[in-house]
């Protein structure tokens, strides 16, 4: 089992920035693929970004590419989602997820590939 804990959400104006953090409290993030998903009210959960185990490969959703950056620091046991130029449509609960699957390039965007999830952190972007 693993316990993921997110932090860094909040209220920000359009065009502003936030940086989310995720730590793995039991085993640490080393060895996990790490990802961020989000769920807006009345909508299904959607993929935002993912990073492979050593941080050498990343994927971002088309809707956030160029604005959001996922990164990780394994020795510090933290995965980040840096969000810039935020828009009202980015408003959602953001979830950190972790997986040990090996097929990163094939499964990174599938929420069913991630057995471990955080409790979520609210991001609200005002217009």
N, C-alpha and C. Protein backbone atom coordinates (compact mmCIF):
# COMPACT_ATOMS: atom_id res chain seq x y z
N UNK A 1 0.83 -1.19 0.00
CA UNK A 1 0.00 0.00 0.00
C UNK A 1 0.87 1.24 0.00
N UNK A 2 0.31 2.31 -0.50
CA UNK A 2 1.01 3.57 -0.52
C UNK A 2 0.02 4.67 -0.17
N UNK A 3 0.51 5.70 0.47
CA UNK A 3 -0.32 6.85 0.81
C UNK A 3 0.25 8.09 0.14
N UNK A 4 -0.53 8.71 -0.70
CA UNK A 4 -0.12 9.92 -1.40
C UNK A 4 -0.79 11.13 -0.77
N UNK A 5 0.00 12.18 -0.59
CA UNK A 5 -0.52 13.39 0.04
C UNK A 5 -0.20 14.58 -0.85
N UNK A 6 -1.26 15.27 -1.30
CA UNK A 6 -1.08 16.46 -2.14
C UNK A 6 -1.16 17.72 -1.30
N UNK A 7 -0.56 18.77 -1.80
CA UNK A 7 -0.67 20.09 -1.19
C UNK A 7 -0.43 21.14 -2.27
N UNK A 8 -0.80 22.38 -1.94
CA UNK A 8 -0.50 23.48 -2.84
C UNK A 8 -1.67 24.07 -3.59
N UNK A 9 -2.85 23.48 -3.43
CA UNK A 9 -4.01 24.04 -4.11
C UNK A 9 -4.45 25.35 -3.48
N UNK A 10 -5.40 26.01 -4.15
CA UNK A 10 -5.91 27.27 -3.62
C UNK A 10 -6.70 28.04 -4.65
N UNK A 11 -6.94 29.30 -4.33
CA UNK A 11 -7.71 30.20 -5.18
C UNK A 11 -6.74 31.17 -5.86
N UNK A 12 -6.86 31.30 -7.17
CA UNK A 12 -5.97 32.18 -7.91
C UNK A 12 -6.76 32.85 -9.03
N UNK A 13 -6.32 34.01 -9.45
CA UNK A 13 -6.99 34.71 -10.54
C UNK A 13 -6.52 34.17 -11.90
N UNK A 14 -7.32 34.40 -12.91
CA UNK A 14 -6.94 34.03 -14.27
C UNK A 14 -5.56 34.61 -14.61
N UNK A 15 -4.72 33.74 -15.18
CA UNK A 15 -3.37 34.15 -15.51
C UNK A 15 -2.35 33.90 -14.41
N UNK A 16 -2.83 33.52 -13.26
CA UNK A 16 -1.95 33.27 -12.13
C UNK A 16 -1.29 31.90 -12.18
N UNK A 17 -0.54 31.59 -11.13
CA UNK A 17 0.22 30.35 -11.06
C UNK A 17 0.04 29.67 -9.71
N UNK A 18 0.15 28.37 -9.73
CA UNK A 18 0.18 27.54 -8.53
C UNK A 18 1.14 26.39 -8.75
N UNK A 19 1.70 25.87 -7.66
CA UNK A 19 2.56 24.70 -7.75
C UNK A 19 2.06 23.66 -6.76
N UNK A 20 1.63 22.53 -7.29
CA UNK A 20 1.15 21.44 -6.46
C UNK A 20 2.30 20.49 -6.14
N UNK A 21 2.21 19.88 -4.95
CA UNK A 21 3.21 18.91 -4.54
C UNK A 21 2.52 17.62 -4.13
N UNK A 22 3.23 16.52 -4.30
CA UNK A 22 2.72 15.20 -3.90
C UNK A 22 3.86 14.40 -3.31
N UNK A 23 3.64 13.86 -2.14
CA UNK A 23 4.62 12.98 -1.51
C UNK A 23 4.02 11.61 -1.28
N UNK A 24 4.86 10.60 -1.29
CA UNK A 24 4.43 9.23 -1.00
C UNK A 24 4.91 8.91 0.41
N UNK A 25 3.98 8.74 1.32
CA UNK A 25 4.30 8.67 2.74
C UNK A 25 4.81 7.31 3.20
N UNK A 26 4.61 6.26 2.45
CA UNK A 26 4.99 4.93 2.93
C UNK A 26 6.31 4.48 2.32
N UNK A 27 6.39 4.41 0.98
CA UNK A 27 7.58 3.88 0.32
C UNK A 27 8.41 4.94 -0.40
N UNK A 28 7.89 6.18 -0.49
CA UNK A 28 8.58 7.18 -1.29
C UNK A 28 8.23 7.02 -2.76
N UNK A 29 8.47 8.06 -3.55
CA UNK A 29 8.04 8.05 -4.95
C UNK A 29 9.00 7.27 -5.86
N UNK A 30 10.18 6.94 -5.34
CA UNK A 30 11.15 6.22 -6.16
C UNK A 30 10.54 4.92 -6.68
N UNK A 31 10.62 4.67 -7.97
CA UNK A 31 10.10 3.45 -8.56
C UNK A 31 8.69 3.57 -9.10
N UNK A 32 8.01 4.64 -8.77
CA UNK A 32 6.64 4.84 -9.26
C UNK A 32 6.62 5.74 -10.49
N UNK A 33 5.75 5.42 -11.43
CA UNK A 33 5.29 6.43 -12.37
C UNK A 33 4.39 7.36 -11.57
N UNK A 34 4.54 8.66 -11.76
CA UNK A 34 3.71 9.63 -11.05
C UNK A 34 2.87 10.41 -12.06
N UNK A 35 1.65 10.71 -11.66
CA UNK A 35 0.75 11.42 -12.56
C UNK A 35 -0.17 12.35 -11.79
N UNK A 36 -0.73 13.29 -12.51
CA UNK A 36 -1.77 14.16 -11.98
C UNK A 36 -3.00 14.02 -12.87
N UNK A 37 -4.14 13.91 -12.21
CA UNK A 37 -5.44 13.92 -12.86
C UNK A 37 -6.26 15.03 -12.21
N UNK A 38 -7.36 15.38 -12.83
CA UNK A 38 -8.24 16.38 -12.24
C UNK A 38 -9.68 16.03 -12.55
N UNK A 39 -10.57 16.53 -11.68
CA UNK A 39 -11.99 16.33 -11.87
C UNK A 39 -12.73 17.60 -11.53
N UNK A 40 -13.41 18.14 -12.52
CA UNK A 40 -14.22 19.33 -12.34
C UNK A 40 -15.65 18.91 -11.97
N UNK A 41 -16.41 19.80 -11.35
CA UNK A 41 -17.78 19.45 -10.97
C UNK A 41 -18.61 19.02 -12.17
N UNK A 42 -19.27 17.87 -12.04
CA UNK A 42 -20.12 17.37 -13.11
C UNK A 42 -19.39 16.75 -14.27
N UNK A 43 -18.08 16.61 -14.16
CA UNK A 43 -17.30 16.04 -15.27
C UNK A 43 -16.54 14.81 -14.80
N UNK A 44 -16.10 14.01 -15.76
CA UNK A 44 -15.31 12.85 -15.42
C UNK A 44 -13.87 13.26 -15.11
N UNK A 45 -13.20 12.40 -14.37
CA UNK A 45 -11.80 12.64 -14.07
C UNK A 45 -10.99 12.56 -15.36
N UNK A 46 -10.02 13.46 -15.52
CA UNK A 46 -9.24 13.49 -16.75
C UNK A 46 -7.75 13.57 -16.43
N UNK A 47 -6.98 13.02 -17.35
CA UNK A 47 -5.53 13.04 -17.24
C UNK A 47 -5.00 14.45 -17.44
N UNK A 48 -3.99 14.80 -16.65
CA UNK A 48 -3.34 16.10 -16.78
C UNK A 48 -1.89 15.94 -17.23
N UNK A 49 -1.10 15.17 -16.48
CA UNK A 49 0.32 15.02 -16.80
C UNK A 49 0.87 13.80 -16.09
N UNK A 50 1.96 13.23 -16.65
CA UNK A 50 2.61 12.09 -16.04
C UNK A 50 4.11 12.17 -16.29
N UNK A 51 4.85 11.53 -15.39
CA UNK A 51 6.31 11.50 -15.51
C UNK A 51 6.79 10.10 -15.18
N UNK A 52 7.80 9.62 -15.91
CA UNK A 52 8.27 8.26 -15.65
C UNK A 52 9.13 8.21 -14.39
N UNK A 53 9.65 7.04 -14.08
CA UNK A 53 10.25 6.81 -12.78
C UNK A 53 11.49 7.66 -12.53
N UNK A 54 12.22 8.00 -13.59
CA UNK A 54 13.45 8.76 -13.39
C UNK A 54 13.32 10.20 -13.85
N UNK A 55 12.14 10.59 -14.26
CA UNK A 55 11.90 11.97 -14.67
C UNK A 55 12.37 12.29 -16.07
N UNK A 56 12.75 11.27 -16.84
CA UNK A 56 13.29 11.51 -18.18
C UNK A 56 12.20 11.61 -19.24
N UNK A 57 11.01 11.17 -18.93
CA UNK A 57 9.92 11.22 -19.90
C UNK A 57 8.67 11.78 -19.26
N UNK A 58 8.03 12.69 -19.97
CA UNK A 58 6.80 13.29 -19.46
C UNK A 58 5.74 13.35 -20.56
N UNK A 59 4.50 13.36 -20.13
CA UNK A 59 3.38 13.58 -21.04
C UNK A 59 2.45 14.60 -20.39
N UNK A 60 1.85 15.42 -21.20
CA UNK A 60 0.85 16.39 -20.73
C UNK A 60 -0.38 16.32 -21.64
N UNK A 61 -1.52 16.59 -21.07
CA UNK A 61 -2.74 16.69 -21.87
C UNK A 61 -2.65 17.91 -22.80
N UNK A 62 -3.31 17.81 -23.92
CA UNK A 62 -3.28 18.92 -24.88
C UNK A 62 -3.76 20.23 -24.25
N UNK A 63 -4.73 20.12 -23.36
CA UNK A 63 -5.32 21.32 -22.77
C UNK A 63 -4.39 22.08 -21.84
N UNK A 64 -3.32 21.43 -21.40
CA UNK A 64 -2.41 22.09 -20.46
C UNK A 64 -0.99 22.22 -20.99
N UNK A 65 -0.73 21.61 -22.14
CA UNK A 65 0.63 21.63 -22.66
C UNK A 65 1.09 23.07 -22.91
N UNK A 66 2.29 23.37 -22.46
CA UNK A 66 2.84 24.72 -22.59
C UNK A 66 2.53 25.60 -21.39
N UNK A 67 1.60 25.15 -20.54
CA UNK A 67 1.26 25.91 -19.33
C UNK A 67 1.60 25.16 -18.05
N UNK A 68 1.44 23.84 -18.07
CA UNK A 68 1.71 23.02 -16.90
C UNK A 68 2.97 22.20 -17.13
N UNK A 69 3.72 22.00 -16.04
CA UNK A 69 4.93 21.19 -16.11
C UNK A 69 4.96 20.23 -14.93
N UNK A 70 5.13 18.94 -15.24
CA UNK A 70 5.27 17.94 -14.19
C UNK A 70 6.76 17.64 -14.01
N UNK A 71 7.16 17.45 -12.77
CA UNK A 71 8.55 17.12 -12.48
C UNK A 71 8.58 16.30 -11.19
N UNK A 72 9.74 15.77 -10.90
CA UNK A 72 9.88 14.98 -9.68
C UNK A 72 11.29 15.13 -9.13
N UNK A 73 11.39 14.96 -7.82
CA UNK A 73 12.68 14.95 -7.14
C UNK A 73 12.68 13.71 -6.25
N UNK A 74 13.25 12.63 -6.76
CA UNK A 74 13.20 11.36 -6.03
C UNK A 74 13.89 11.42 -4.67
N UNK A 75 15.08 12.00 -4.55
CA UNK A 75 15.71 12.06 -3.22
C UNK A 75 14.87 12.83 -2.20
N UNK A 76 14.12 13.83 -2.66
CA UNK A 76 13.27 14.60 -1.76
C UNK A 76 11.86 14.02 -1.64
N UNK A 77 11.61 12.94 -2.38
CA UNK A 77 10.31 12.25 -2.30
C UNK A 77 9.16 13.18 -2.64
N UNK A 78 9.24 13.88 -3.74
CA UNK A 78 8.16 14.80 -4.09
C UNK A 78 8.00 14.87 -5.60
N UNK A 79 6.75 14.93 -6.01
CA UNK A 79 6.39 15.15 -7.40
C UNK A 79 5.64 16.48 -7.47
N UNK A 80 5.95 17.27 -8.49
CA UNK A 80 5.37 18.61 -8.61
C UNK A 80 4.50 18.73 -9.86
N UNK A 81 3.53 19.61 -9.77
CA UNK A 81 2.81 20.07 -10.95
C UNK A 81 2.81 21.59 -10.89
N UNK A 82 3.62 22.18 -11.73
CA UNK A 82 3.68 23.64 -11.80
C UNK A 82 2.69 24.11 -12.85
N UNK A 83 1.80 24.99 -12.43
CA UNK A 83 0.71 25.43 -13.31
C UNK A 83 0.81 26.94 -13.51
N UNK A 84 0.98 27.35 -14.74
CA UNK A 84 1.08 28.77 -15.10
C UNK A 84 -0.05 29.17 -16.04
N UNK A 85 -0.27 30.47 -16.12
CA UNK A 85 -1.31 31.00 -17.01
C UNK A 85 -2.63 30.25 -16.80
N UNK A 86 -3.04 30.14 -15.56
CA UNK A 86 -4.24 29.39 -15.23
C UNK A 86 -5.49 30.05 -15.79
N UNK A 87 -6.43 29.19 -16.15
CA UNK A 87 -7.69 29.63 -16.74
C UNK A 87 -8.85 29.12 -15.89
N UNK A 88 -10.01 29.76 -15.97
CA UNK A 88 -11.16 29.27 -15.18
C UNK A 88 -11.48 27.80 -15.46
N UNK A 89 -11.27 27.34 -16.67
CA UNK A 89 -11.54 25.94 -16.99
C UNK A 89 -10.57 24.96 -16.35
N UNK A 90 -9.52 25.47 -15.70
CA UNK A 90 -8.61 24.61 -14.96
C UNK A 90 -9.14 24.33 -13.55
N UNK A 91 -10.22 24.98 -13.17
CA UNK A 91 -10.80 24.76 -11.85
C UNK A 91 -11.24 23.31 -11.70
N UNK A 92 -10.74 22.65 -10.65
CA UNK A 92 -11.01 21.23 -10.44
C UNK A 92 -10.34 20.78 -9.15
N UNK A 93 -10.67 19.58 -8.74
CA UNK A 93 -9.90 18.90 -7.71
C UNK A 93 -8.78 18.14 -8.43
N UNK A 94 -7.57 18.37 -8.00
CA UNK A 94 -6.41 17.75 -8.62
C UNK A 94 -5.93 16.58 -7.75
N UNK A 95 -5.72 15.44 -8.41
CA UNK A 95 -5.32 14.23 -7.71
C UNK A 95 -3.95 13.76 -8.19
N UNK A 96 -3.14 13.37 -7.24
CA UNK A 96 -1.87 12.73 -7.53
C UNK A 96 -2.10 11.23 -7.58
N UNK A 97 -1.40 10.55 -8.48
CA UNK A 97 -1.55 9.11 -8.63
C UNK A 97 -0.19 8.47 -8.85
N UNK A 98 -0.05 7.21 -8.44
CA UNK A 98 1.22 6.51 -8.57
C UNK A 98 0.99 5.08 -9.03
N UNK A 99 1.95 4.58 -9.80
CA UNK A 99 1.83 3.23 -10.33
C UNK A 99 3.21 2.63 -10.56
N UNK A 100 3.27 1.30 -10.48
CA UNK A 100 4.51 0.60 -10.79
C UNK A 100 4.46 -0.10 -12.15
N UNK A 101 3.46 0.19 -12.95
CA UNK A 101 3.39 -0.44 -14.27
C UNK A 101 4.62 -0.07 -15.09
N UNK A 102 5.04 -0.98 -15.97
CA UNK A 102 6.24 -0.75 -16.76
C UNK A 102 5.96 -0.09 -18.10
N UNK A 103 4.73 -0.21 -18.56
CA UNK A 103 4.43 0.30 -19.90
C UNK A 103 4.03 1.76 -19.85
N UNK A 104 4.95 2.59 -19.44
CA UNK A 104 4.66 4.01 -19.24
C UNK A 104 4.09 4.64 -20.50
N UNK A 105 4.74 4.43 -21.63
CA UNK A 105 4.33 5.10 -22.85
C UNK A 105 2.94 4.66 -23.32
N UNK A 106 2.48 3.51 -22.91
CA UNK A 106 1.16 3.03 -23.33
C UNK A 106 0.07 3.35 -22.31
N UNK A 107 0.42 3.38 -21.04
CA UNK A 107 -0.62 3.45 -19.99
C UNK A 107 -0.65 4.77 -19.22
N UNK A 108 0.22 5.70 -19.52
CA UNK A 108 0.37 6.87 -18.67
C UNK A 108 -0.92 7.64 -18.47
N UNK A 109 -1.81 7.66 -19.44
CA UNK A 109 -3.02 8.46 -19.36
C UNK A 109 -4.25 7.74 -18.86
N UNK A 110 -4.11 6.48 -18.52
CA UNK A 110 -5.25 5.67 -18.10
C UNK A 110 -5.35 5.63 -16.59
N UNK A 111 -6.44 6.14 -16.04
CA UNK A 111 -6.53 6.17 -14.57
C UNK A 111 -6.61 4.76 -13.98
N UNK A 112 -7.04 3.78 -14.76
CA UNK A 112 -7.11 2.41 -14.24
C UNK A 112 -5.72 1.80 -14.04
N UNK A 113 -4.68 2.42 -14.59
CA UNK A 113 -3.32 1.92 -14.41
C UNK A 113 -2.70 2.35 -13.09
N UNK A 114 -3.39 3.21 -12.36
CA UNK A 114 -2.84 3.78 -11.12
C UNK A 114 -3.59 3.24 -9.91
N UNK A 115 -2.96 2.40 -9.11
CA UNK A 115 -3.64 1.87 -7.93
C UNK A 115 -3.63 2.78 -6.71
N UNK A 116 -2.75 3.78 -6.73
CA UNK A 116 -2.61 4.65 -5.55
C UNK A 116 -2.99 6.08 -5.90
N UNK A 117 -3.82 6.67 -5.03
CA UNK A 117 -4.35 8.01 -5.26
C UNK A 117 -4.30 8.82 -3.99
N UNK A 118 -4.08 10.12 -4.15
CA UNK A 118 -4.17 11.02 -3.03
C UNK A 118 -5.61 11.45 -2.80
N UNK A 119 -5.81 12.28 -1.78
CA UNK A 119 -7.16 12.71 -1.41
C UNK A 119 -7.65 13.87 -2.26
N UNK A 120 -6.75 14.50 -2.98
CA UNK A 120 -7.11 15.61 -3.86
C UNK A 120 -6.90 16.96 -3.21
N UNK A 121 -6.60 17.93 -4.05
CA UNK A 121 -6.46 19.31 -3.59
C UNK A 121 -7.21 20.22 -4.56
N UNK A 122 -7.98 21.16 -4.00
CA UNK A 122 -8.84 22.01 -4.82
C UNK A 122 -8.04 23.15 -5.44
N UNK A 123 -8.24 23.34 -6.73
CA UNK A 123 -7.68 24.48 -7.44
C UNK A 123 -8.86 25.25 -8.03
N UNK A 124 -8.96 26.52 -7.68
CA UNK A 124 -10.05 27.36 -8.18
C UNK A 124 -9.44 28.59 -8.86
N UNK A 125 -9.83 28.80 -10.10
CA UNK A 125 -9.33 29.93 -10.87
C UNK A 125 -10.50 30.87 -11.14
N UNK A 126 -10.39 32.07 -10.61
CA UNK A 126 -11.46 33.05 -10.76
C UNK A 126 -11.25 33.88 -12.02
N UNK A 127 -12.36 34.27 -12.63
CA UNK A 127 -12.27 35.06 -13.87
C UNK A 127 -12.28 36.55 -13.59
